[in-house]
Amino acid sequence: MLSFQEKEAIIAKFPELTRKEVSMGRVNYHFEESLHEKKIVVRHLHENGNGFVYVGKLPQYEADKKGFINIRDFSVEEMEEVLAEAIRYLSSDPAGEPVDEVWVNREGTQLHLKEENGYFNLYFKENLEEGFGSAKEAHVYLNEEGFRLQSGGAR
C-alpha cells in the first residue's frame, strides 16, 4: 500500500488538481475545469493512505452510488491511471458523444457497443447481437458475461 506522501506525490503530477484541506487531517483535490457538476477528483485522502477517487460512470470501475472508488491498496500505476481517467471523464461533455466502445473477453472475442437512435446496440463483427435501453444496462450485461472495456469514445 502506498503511503499518504506517495499518493500525494502521484497526485502532484496532475497540476490541474487543486489541493484543499478538510477535517481530521484529510485532503481533497478538486478539478476546477470540470464540465460536470462534480469537481472533487480525490476525496478524503487520509494520512493512513485511505481515500477515494471519483470515476463517475466509467464502466471499468465498480464505484459506489456517488461515483467514487476506494484507492487504499492502489499501486503507482493504478493511481496514475485512475487519476488520468477521472480527469478525462470530468473534461468530457456530460451530454457526451454517442457511446462507441470495444469490449473483449479472455478468449479475445470482441463486441462493439454503439449508441444508435437512443438505443445501445451490441455487435459481433457486423451482426447485431443484442439491444439495450441504456449504456448502464449494456455495461452490466457485458461485465456479467466476462467482457472488459478495451477502448471507447465518450464515457
N, C-alpha and C. Protein backbone atom coordinates (compact mmCIF):
# COMPACT_ATOMS: atom_id res chain seq x y z
N MET A 1 0.85 -1.19 0.00
CA MET A 1 0.00 0.00 0.00
C MET A 1 0.89 1.24 0.00
N LEU A 2 0.53 2.19 -0.84
CA LEU A 2 1.26 3.45 -0.90
C LEU A 2 0.93 4.31 0.31
N SER A 3 1.91 5.06 0.76
CA SER A 3 1.70 5.96 1.89
C SER A 3 0.97 7.22 1.42
N PHE A 4 0.52 7.99 2.39
CA PHE A 4 -0.11 9.28 2.12
C PHE A 4 0.81 10.15 1.27
N GLN A 5 2.09 10.21 1.67
CA GLN A 5 3.06 11.05 0.95
C GLN A 5 3.27 10.56 -0.48
N GLU A 6 3.32 9.25 -0.66
CA GLU A 6 3.49 8.70 -2.01
C GLU A 6 2.28 9.01 -2.88
N LYS A 7 1.09 8.90 -2.32
CA LYS A 7 -0.12 9.22 -3.08
C LYS A 7 -0.16 10.71 -3.42
N GLU A 8 0.23 11.55 -2.48
CA GLU A 8 0.27 12.99 -2.76
C GLU A 8 1.28 13.30 -3.86
N ALA A 9 2.41 12.61 -3.88
CA ALA A 9 3.42 12.83 -4.93
C ALA A 9 2.86 12.44 -6.30
N ILE A 10 2.09 11.38 -6.36
CA ILE A 10 1.47 10.97 -7.63
C ILE A 10 0.44 12.01 -8.06
N ILE A 11 -0.38 12.45 -7.13
CA ILE A 11 -1.41 13.45 -7.43
C ILE A 11 -0.77 14.74 -7.90
N ALA A 12 0.40 15.08 -7.35
CA ALA A 12 1.10 16.31 -7.73
C ALA A 12 1.52 16.30 -9.20
N LYS A 13 1.57 15.13 -9.83
CA LYS A 13 1.89 15.03 -11.26
C LYS A 13 0.76 15.58 -12.13
N PHE A 14 -0.37 15.87 -11.50
CA PHE A 14 -1.54 16.38 -12.22
C PHE A 14 -1.78 17.83 -11.77
N PRO A 15 -1.11 18.79 -12.42
CA PRO A 15 -1.19 20.18 -11.98
C PRO A 15 -2.58 20.79 -12.09
N GLU A 16 -3.47 20.14 -12.82
CA GLU A 16 -4.83 20.66 -12.95
C GLU A 16 -5.66 20.41 -11.69
N LEU A 17 -5.13 19.64 -10.73
CA LEU A 17 -5.83 19.37 -9.47
C LEU A 17 -5.37 20.34 -8.39
N THR A 18 -6.33 20.86 -7.64
CA THR A 18 -6.08 21.83 -6.57
C THR A 18 -6.29 21.16 -5.22
N ARG A 19 -5.30 21.28 -4.36
CA ARG A 19 -5.35 20.66 -3.02
C ARG A 19 -6.19 21.52 -2.08
N LYS A 20 -7.09 20.86 -1.33
CA LYS A 20 -7.92 21.56 -0.34
C LYS A 20 -7.98 20.70 0.92
N GLU A 21 -7.55 21.27 2.03
CA GLU A 21 -7.59 20.54 3.30
C GLU A 21 -9.01 20.52 3.84
N VAL A 22 -9.40 19.36 4.37
CA VAL A 22 -10.71 19.21 5.01
C VAL A 22 -10.48 18.72 6.43
N SER A 23 -11.50 18.28 7.09
CA SER A 23 -11.41 17.92 8.51
C SER A 23 -10.59 16.65 8.77
N MET A 24 -10.15 16.51 10.00
CA MET A 24 -9.48 15.31 10.52
C MET A 24 -8.25 14.90 9.71
N GLY A 25 -7.48 15.87 9.25
CA GLY A 25 -6.25 15.59 8.54
C GLY A 25 -6.43 15.07 7.12
N ARG A 26 -7.63 15.13 6.61
CA ARG A 26 -7.90 14.63 5.26
C ARG A 26 -7.74 15.76 4.24
N VAL A 27 -7.53 15.34 3.00
CA VAL A 27 -7.31 16.29 1.91
C VAL A 27 -8.19 15.90 0.73
N ASN A 28 -8.75 16.90 0.07
CA ASN A 28 -9.47 16.71 -1.19
C ASN A 28 -8.66 17.37 -2.30
N TYR A 29 -8.84 16.88 -3.51
CA TYR A 29 -8.24 17.51 -4.69
C TYR A 29 -9.37 17.78 -5.68
N HIS A 30 -9.45 19.04 -6.10
CA HIS A 30 -10.52 19.50 -6.98
C HIS A 30 -9.99 19.72 -8.40
N PHE A 31 -10.86 19.49 -9.36
CA PHE A 31 -10.59 19.78 -10.77
C PHE A 31 -11.55 20.90 -11.15
N GLU A 32 -11.06 22.12 -11.07
CA GLU A 32 -11.91 23.31 -11.25
C GLU A 32 -12.46 23.43 -12.67
N GLU A 33 -11.77 22.86 -13.66
CA GLU A 33 -12.23 22.96 -15.06
C GLU A 33 -13.25 21.89 -15.43
N SER A 34 -13.73 21.15 -14.47
CA SER A 34 -14.69 20.08 -14.73
C SER A 34 -15.90 20.60 -15.50
N LEU A 35 -16.34 19.85 -16.49
CA LEU A 35 -17.54 20.19 -17.24
C LEU A 35 -18.79 19.60 -16.60
N HIS A 36 -18.60 18.85 -15.53
CA HIS A 36 -19.69 18.24 -14.77
C HIS A 36 -19.91 19.05 -13.49
N GLU A 37 -21.01 18.79 -12.81
CA GLU A 37 -21.23 19.43 -11.51
C GLU A 37 -20.16 19.02 -10.52
N LYS A 38 -19.72 17.79 -10.61
CA LYS A 38 -18.71 17.25 -9.70
C LYS A 38 -17.36 17.87 -10.00
N LYS A 39 -16.68 18.37 -8.96
CA LYS A 39 -15.35 18.94 -9.12
C LYS A 39 -14.30 18.19 -8.31
N ILE A 40 -14.72 17.40 -7.32
CA ILE A 40 -13.77 16.66 -6.48
C ILE A 40 -13.32 15.41 -7.22
N VAL A 41 -12.00 15.28 -7.42
CA VAL A 41 -11.43 14.09 -8.03
C VAL A 41 -10.95 13.13 -6.94
N VAL A 42 -10.21 13.66 -5.96
CA VAL A 42 -9.75 12.85 -4.83
C VAL A 42 -10.47 13.35 -3.59
N ARG A 43 -11.11 12.43 -2.89
CA ARG A 43 -11.88 12.81 -1.70
C ARG A 43 -11.34 12.10 -0.47
N HIS A 44 -11.18 12.87 0.59
CA HIS A 44 -10.82 12.35 1.92
C HIS A 44 -9.55 11.50 1.91
N LEU A 45 -8.51 11.97 1.19
CA LEU A 45 -7.22 11.30 1.28
C LEU A 45 -6.70 11.50 2.69
N HIS A 46 -6.46 10.40 3.39
CA HIS A 46 -6.10 10.45 4.81
C HIS A 46 -4.65 10.05 5.01
N GLU A 47 -4.09 10.47 6.13
CA GLU A 47 -2.70 10.14 6.45
C GLU A 47 -2.44 8.64 6.51
N ASN A 48 -3.48 7.85 6.72
CA ASN A 48 -3.31 6.39 6.76
C ASN A 48 -3.27 5.77 5.35
N GLY A 49 -3.38 6.62 4.32
CA GLY A 49 -3.32 6.15 2.93
C GLY A 49 -4.67 5.87 2.30
N ASN A 50 -5.72 5.92 3.10
CA ASN A 50 -7.05 5.67 2.56
C ASN A 50 -7.55 6.91 1.81
N GLY A 51 -8.42 6.72 0.86
CA GLY A 51 -9.00 7.82 0.11
C GLY A 51 -9.87 7.29 -1.01
N PHE A 52 -10.47 8.21 -1.74
CA PHE A 52 -11.41 7.86 -2.80
C PHE A 52 -11.16 8.72 -4.02
N VAL A 53 -11.39 8.15 -5.20
CA VAL A 53 -11.28 8.89 -6.46
C VAL A 53 -12.62 8.79 -7.17
N TYR A 54 -13.05 9.92 -7.74
CA TYR A 54 -14.31 9.97 -8.47
C TYR A 54 -14.10 9.40 -9.88
N VAL A 55 -14.86 8.36 -10.20
CA VAL A 55 -14.80 7.76 -11.54
C VAL A 55 -16.16 7.84 -12.24
N GLY A 56 -17.11 8.46 -11.58
CA GLY A 56 -18.43 8.64 -12.18
C GLY A 56 -19.02 7.35 -12.67
N LYS A 57 -19.31 7.31 -13.96
CA LYS A 57 -19.95 6.14 -14.57
C LYS A 57 -18.99 5.37 -15.47
N LEU A 58 -17.69 5.53 -15.25
CA LEU A 58 -16.74 4.77 -16.07
C LEU A 58 -17.00 3.28 -15.87
N PRO A 59 -17.25 2.56 -16.96
CA PRO A 59 -17.69 1.16 -16.83
C PRO A 59 -16.64 0.20 -16.30
N GLN A 60 -15.37 0.56 -16.38
CA GLN A 60 -14.34 -0.37 -15.94
C GLN A 60 -14.12 -0.36 -14.43
N TYR A 61 -14.87 0.49 -13.72
CA TYR A 61 -14.75 0.56 -12.26
C TYR A 61 -16.09 0.27 -11.60
N GLU A 62 -16.04 -0.32 -10.43
CA GLU A 62 -17.25 -0.55 -9.64
C GLU A 62 -17.31 0.52 -8.56
N ALA A 63 -17.92 1.63 -8.90
CA ALA A 63 -18.00 2.78 -8.00
C ALA A 63 -19.18 2.65 -7.05
N ASP A 64 -19.10 3.40 -5.94
CA ASP A 64 -20.24 3.45 -5.03
C ASP A 64 -21.33 4.32 -5.66
N LYS A 65 -22.44 4.50 -4.97
CA LYS A 65 -23.56 5.23 -5.57
C LYS A 65 -23.25 6.69 -5.84
N LYS A 66 -22.19 7.22 -5.25
CA LYS A 66 -21.78 8.60 -5.51
C LYS A 66 -20.71 8.70 -6.59
N GLY A 67 -20.28 7.55 -7.12
CA GLY A 67 -19.31 7.54 -8.21
C GLY A 67 -17.85 7.45 -7.77
N PHE A 68 -17.60 7.10 -6.51
CA PHE A 68 -16.23 7.02 -6.00
C PHE A 68 -15.77 5.57 -5.84
N ILE A 69 -14.45 5.37 -5.97
CA ILE A 69 -13.84 4.08 -5.66
C ILE A 69 -12.77 4.29 -4.61
N ASN A 70 -12.53 3.26 -3.80
CA ASN A 70 -11.52 3.32 -2.76
C ASN A 70 -10.15 3.05 -3.37
N ILE A 71 -9.15 3.87 -3.01
CA ILE A 71 -7.80 3.75 -3.57
C ILE A 71 -6.78 3.28 -2.54
N ARG A 72 -7.23 2.78 -1.42
CA ARG A 72 -6.34 2.39 -0.33
C ARG A 72 -5.20 1.49 -0.80
N ASP A 73 -5.49 0.47 -1.57
CA ASP A 73 -4.49 -0.52 -1.97
C ASP A 73 -4.00 -0.35 -3.40
N PHE A 74 -4.17 0.81 -3.99
CA PHE A 74 -3.76 1.03 -5.37
C PHE A 74 -2.23 1.13 -5.48
N SER A 75 -1.71 0.63 -6.60
CA SER A 75 -0.28 0.76 -6.92
C SER A 75 -0.05 2.12 -7.58
N VAL A 76 1.22 2.44 -7.83
CA VAL A 76 1.56 3.69 -8.51
C VAL A 76 0.85 3.74 -9.86
N GLU A 77 0.94 2.65 -10.62
CA GLU A 77 0.34 2.61 -11.96
C GLU A 77 -1.17 2.77 -11.90
N GLU A 78 -1.80 2.09 -10.95
CA GLU A 78 -3.26 2.19 -10.81
C GLU A 78 -3.67 3.61 -10.43
N MET A 79 -2.91 4.24 -9.55
CA MET A 79 -3.21 5.63 -9.15
C MET A 79 -3.12 6.57 -10.35
N GLU A 80 -2.02 6.46 -11.08
CA GLU A 80 -1.83 7.33 -12.24
C GLU A 80 -2.94 7.13 -13.27
N GLU A 81 -3.29 5.88 -13.51
CA GLU A 81 -4.32 5.57 -14.50
C GLU A 81 -5.69 6.10 -14.07
N VAL A 82 -6.08 5.84 -12.83
CA VAL A 82 -7.42 6.27 -12.39
C VAL A 82 -7.52 7.79 -12.33
N LEU A 83 -6.45 8.47 -11.94
CA LEU A 83 -6.49 9.94 -11.92
C LEU A 83 -6.62 10.50 -13.33
N ALA A 84 -5.85 9.96 -14.27
CA ALA A 84 -5.93 10.42 -15.66
C ALA A 84 -7.32 10.17 -16.23
N GLU A 85 -7.89 8.99 -15.95
CA GLU A 85 -9.22 8.67 -16.45
C GLU A 85 -10.29 9.55 -15.81
N ALA A 86 -10.15 9.84 -14.52
CA ALA A 86 -11.12 10.70 -13.84
C ALA A 86 -11.10 12.11 -14.43
N ILE A 87 -9.91 12.64 -14.67
CA ILE A 87 -9.80 13.98 -15.24
C ILE A 87 -10.35 13.99 -16.66
N ARG A 88 -10.04 12.96 -17.44
CA ARG A 88 -10.56 12.87 -18.81
C ARG A 88 -12.09 12.80 -18.78
N TYR A 89 -12.63 12.01 -17.87
CA TYR A 89 -14.09 11.88 -17.72
C TYR A 89 -14.72 13.23 -17.38
N LEU A 90 -14.15 13.94 -16.41
CA LEU A 90 -14.71 15.23 -15.99
C LEU A 90 -14.47 16.32 -17.03
N SER A 91 -13.57 16.07 -17.97
CA SER A 91 -13.30 17.03 -19.04
C SER A 91 -14.23 16.84 -20.23
N SER A 92 -14.98 15.73 -20.22
CA SER A 92 -15.88 15.44 -21.34
C SER A 92 -17.23 16.09 -21.11
N ASP A 93 -17.89 16.40 -22.19
CA ASP A 93 -19.22 16.99 -22.13
C ASP A 93 -20.17 15.99 -21.48
N PRO A 94 -20.88 16.39 -20.41
CA PRO A 94 -21.79 15.45 -19.75
C PRO A 94 -22.85 14.88 -20.69
N ALA A 95 -23.29 15.69 -21.65
CA ALA A 95 -24.24 15.18 -22.64
C ALA A 95 -23.53 14.13 -23.48
N GLY A 96 -22.26 14.41 -23.71
CA GLY A 96 -21.37 13.43 -24.30
C GLY A 96 -21.59 13.12 -25.75
N GLU A 97 -20.60 12.43 -26.27
CA GLU A 97 -20.68 11.89 -27.61
C GLU A 97 -21.40 10.55 -27.52
N PRO A 98 -21.90 10.07 -28.63
CA PRO A 98 -22.54 8.75 -28.59
C PRO A 98 -21.54 7.68 -28.13
N VAL A 99 -22.05 6.69 -27.44
CA VAL A 99 -21.21 5.58 -26.98
C VAL A 99 -20.71 4.81 -28.19
N ASP A 100 -19.42 4.53 -28.20
CA ASP A 100 -18.78 3.74 -29.25
C ASP A 100 -17.61 3.03 -28.59
N GLU A 101 -17.84 1.80 -28.12
CA GLU A 101 -16.87 1.10 -27.29
C GLU A 101 -16.59 -0.30 -27.82
N VAL A 102 -15.38 -0.77 -27.59
CA VAL A 102 -14.99 -2.13 -27.92
C VAL A 102 -14.75 -2.87 -26.61
N TRP A 103 -15.41 -4.01 -26.46
CA TRP A 103 -15.29 -4.85 -25.27
C TRP A 103 -14.69 -6.18 -25.68
N VAL A 104 -13.86 -6.77 -24.83
CA VAL A 104 -13.19 -8.03 -25.15
C VAL A 104 -13.24 -8.97 -23.94
N ASN A 105 -13.34 -10.28 -24.23
CA ASN A 105 -13.31 -11.26 -23.15
C ASN A 105 -11.96 -11.97 -23.15
N ARG A 106 -11.78 -12.92 -22.24
CA ARG A 106 -10.50 -13.62 -22.10
C ARG A 106 -10.11 -14.41 -23.35
N GLU A 107 -11.09 -14.85 -24.10
CA GLU A 107 -10.81 -15.61 -25.32
C GLU A 107 -10.45 -14.69 -26.48
N GLY A 108 -10.56 -13.39 -26.28
CA GLY A 108 -10.23 -12.44 -27.33
C GLY A 108 -11.40 -12.04 -28.20
N THR A 109 -12.59 -12.52 -27.88
CA THR A 109 -13.78 -12.16 -28.64
C THR A 109 -14.09 -10.68 -28.41
N GLN A 110 -14.30 -9.96 -29.48
CA GLN A 110 -14.60 -8.54 -29.38
C GLN A 110 -16.06 -8.27 -29.70
N LEU A 111 -16.68 -7.45 -28.89
CA LEU A 111 -18.02 -6.96 -29.15
C LEU A 111 -17.95 -5.44 -29.21
N HIS A 112 -18.76 -4.88 -30.08
CA HIS A 112 -18.77 -3.43 -30.31
C HIS A 112 -20.10 -2.89 -29.79
N LEU A 113 -20.04 -1.97 -28.83
CA LEU A 113 -21.24 -1.33 -28.29
C LEU A 113 -21.36 0.05 -28.91
N LYS A 114 -22.48 0.28 -29.61
CA LYS A 114 -22.70 1.56 -30.29
C LYS A 114 -24.05 2.14 -29.90
N GLU A 115 -24.05 3.44 -29.66
CA GLU A 115 -25.31 4.14 -29.41
C GLU A 115 -25.88 4.57 -30.75
N GLU A 116 -27.11 4.13 -31.03
CA GLU A 116 -27.75 4.44 -32.30
C GLU A 116 -29.22 4.76 -32.06
N ASN A 117 -29.62 5.96 -32.41
CA ASN A 117 -31.02 6.38 -32.28
C ASN A 117 -31.59 6.15 -30.88
N GLY A 118 -30.78 6.44 -29.87
CA GLY A 118 -31.23 6.31 -28.49
C GLY A 118 -31.15 4.92 -27.91
N TYR A 119 -30.71 3.95 -28.70
CA TYR A 119 -30.53 2.58 -28.22
C TYR A 119 -29.05 2.24 -28.17
N PHE A 120 -28.71 1.25 -27.37
CA PHE A 120 -27.33 0.82 -27.22
C PHE A 120 -27.23 -0.59 -27.77
N ASN A 121 -26.68 -0.68 -28.98
CA ASN A 121 -26.66 -1.93 -29.71
C ASN A 121 -25.29 -2.60 -29.61
N LEU A 122 -25.33 -3.91 -29.43
CA LEU A 122 -24.12 -4.70 -29.27
C LEU A 122 -23.92 -5.55 -30.52
N TYR A 123 -22.76 -5.38 -31.15
CA TYR A 123 -22.45 -6.06 -32.40
C TYR A 123 -21.29 -7.02 -32.23
N PHE A 124 -21.41 -8.18 -32.88
CA PHE A 124 -20.28 -9.08 -33.09
C PHE A 124 -19.99 -8.98 -34.58
N LYS A 125 -18.83 -8.44 -34.91
CA LYS A 125 -18.49 -8.09 -36.29
C LYS A 125 -19.59 -7.17 -36.82
N GLU A 126 -20.29 -7.57 -37.87
CA GLU A 126 -21.34 -6.72 -38.43
C GLU A 126 -22.74 -7.13 -37.97
N ASN A 127 -22.82 -8.17 -37.15
CA ASN A 127 -24.12 -8.71 -36.75
C ASN A 127 -24.59 -8.13 -35.43
N LEU A 128 -25.84 -7.67 -35.42
CA LEU A 128 -26.45 -7.18 -34.19
C LEU A 128 -26.74 -8.37 -33.29
N GLU A 129 -26.20 -8.33 -32.07
CA GLU A 129 -26.37 -9.43 -31.11
C GLU A 129 -27.43 -9.12 -30.07
N GLU A 130 -27.49 -7.86 -29.63
CA GLU A 130 -28.37 -7.50 -28.51
C GLU A 130 -28.59 -5.99 -28.54
N GLY A 131 -29.74 -5.56 -28.03
CA GLY A 131 -30.04 -4.14 -27.91
C GLY A 131 -30.42 -3.82 -26.47
N PHE A 132 -30.06 -2.64 -26.00
CA PHE A 132 -30.32 -2.23 -24.62
C PHE A 132 -30.90 -0.82 -24.60
N GLY A 133 -31.64 -0.53 -23.55
CA GLY A 133 -32.24 0.79 -23.40
C GLY A 133 -31.31 1.82 -22.81
N SER A 134 -30.21 1.37 -22.19
CA SER A 134 -29.25 2.32 -21.61
C SER A 134 -27.85 1.74 -21.69
N ALA A 135 -26.86 2.62 -21.64
CA ALA A 135 -25.47 2.18 -21.64
C ALA A 135 -25.18 1.38 -20.38
N LYS A 136 -25.74 1.82 -19.26
CA LYS A 136 -25.50 1.12 -18.00
C LYS A 136 -25.99 -0.33 -18.08
N GLU A 137 -27.17 -0.52 -18.64
CA GLU A 137 -27.73 -1.87 -18.80
C GLU A 137 -26.79 -2.73 -19.66
N ALA A 138 -26.27 -2.15 -20.73
CA ALA A 138 -25.34 -2.87 -21.60
C ALA A 138 -24.04 -3.19 -20.86
N HIS A 139 -23.53 -2.23 -20.09
CA HIS A 139 -22.29 -2.44 -19.35
C HIS A 139 -22.44 -3.55 -18.30
N VAL A 140 -23.57 -3.57 -17.62
CA VAL A 140 -23.82 -4.63 -16.63
C VAL A 140 -23.81 -5.99 -17.33
N TYR A 141 -24.52 -6.08 -18.45
CA TYR A 141 -24.57 -7.33 -19.21
C TYR A 141 -23.16 -7.77 -19.64
N LEU A 142 -22.40 -6.84 -20.20
CA LEU A 142 -21.05 -7.17 -20.68
C LEU A 142 -20.15 -7.63 -19.54
N ASN A 143 -20.21 -6.94 -18.41
CA ASN A 143 -19.40 -7.34 -17.25
C ASN A 143 -19.80 -8.73 -16.76
N GLU A 144 -21.11 -8.98 -16.69
CA GLU A 144 -21.59 -10.29 -16.24
C GLU A 144 -21.16 -11.41 -17.19
N GLU A 145 -21.03 -11.09 -18.46
CA GLU A 145 -20.62 -12.09 -19.45
C GLU A 145 -19.10 -12.22 -19.57
N GLY A 146 -18.36 -11.50 -18.72
CA GLY A 146 -16.91 -11.64 -18.70
C GLY A 146 -16.16 -10.73 -19.66
N PHE A 147 -16.81 -9.69 -20.15
CA PHE A 147 -16.16 -8.75 -21.06
C PHE A 147 -15.63 -7.55 -20.28
N ARG A 148 -14.55 -6.97 -20.77
CA ARG A 148 -13.97 -5.78 -20.18
C ARG A 148 -13.77 -4.74 -21.28
N LEU A 149 -13.91 -3.48 -20.91
CA LEU A 149 -13.75 -2.39 -21.87
C LEU A 149 -12.32 -2.36 -22.37
N GLN A 150 -12.17 -2.41 -23.68
CA GLN A 150 -10.85 -2.33 -24.30
C GLN A 150 -10.58 -0.91 -24.76
N SER A 151 -11.55 -0.31 -25.43
CA SER A 151 -11.39 1.07 -25.88
C SER A 151 -12.77 1.64 -26.11
N GLY A 152 -12.83 2.96 -26.07
CA GLY A 152 -14.12 3.58 -26.28
C GLY A 152 -14.02 5.07 -26.41
N GLY A 153 -15.10 5.65 -26.89
CA GLY A 153 -15.16 7.10 -27.05
C GLY A 153 -15.62 7.74 -25.77
N ALA A 154 -16.80 8.31 -25.78
CA ALA A 154 -17.34 9.01 -24.62
C ALA A 154 -17.63 8.00 -23.52
N ARG A 155 -17.37 8.40 -22.28
CA ARG A 155 -17.64 7.51 -21.15
C ARG A 155 -18.36 8.25 -20.08
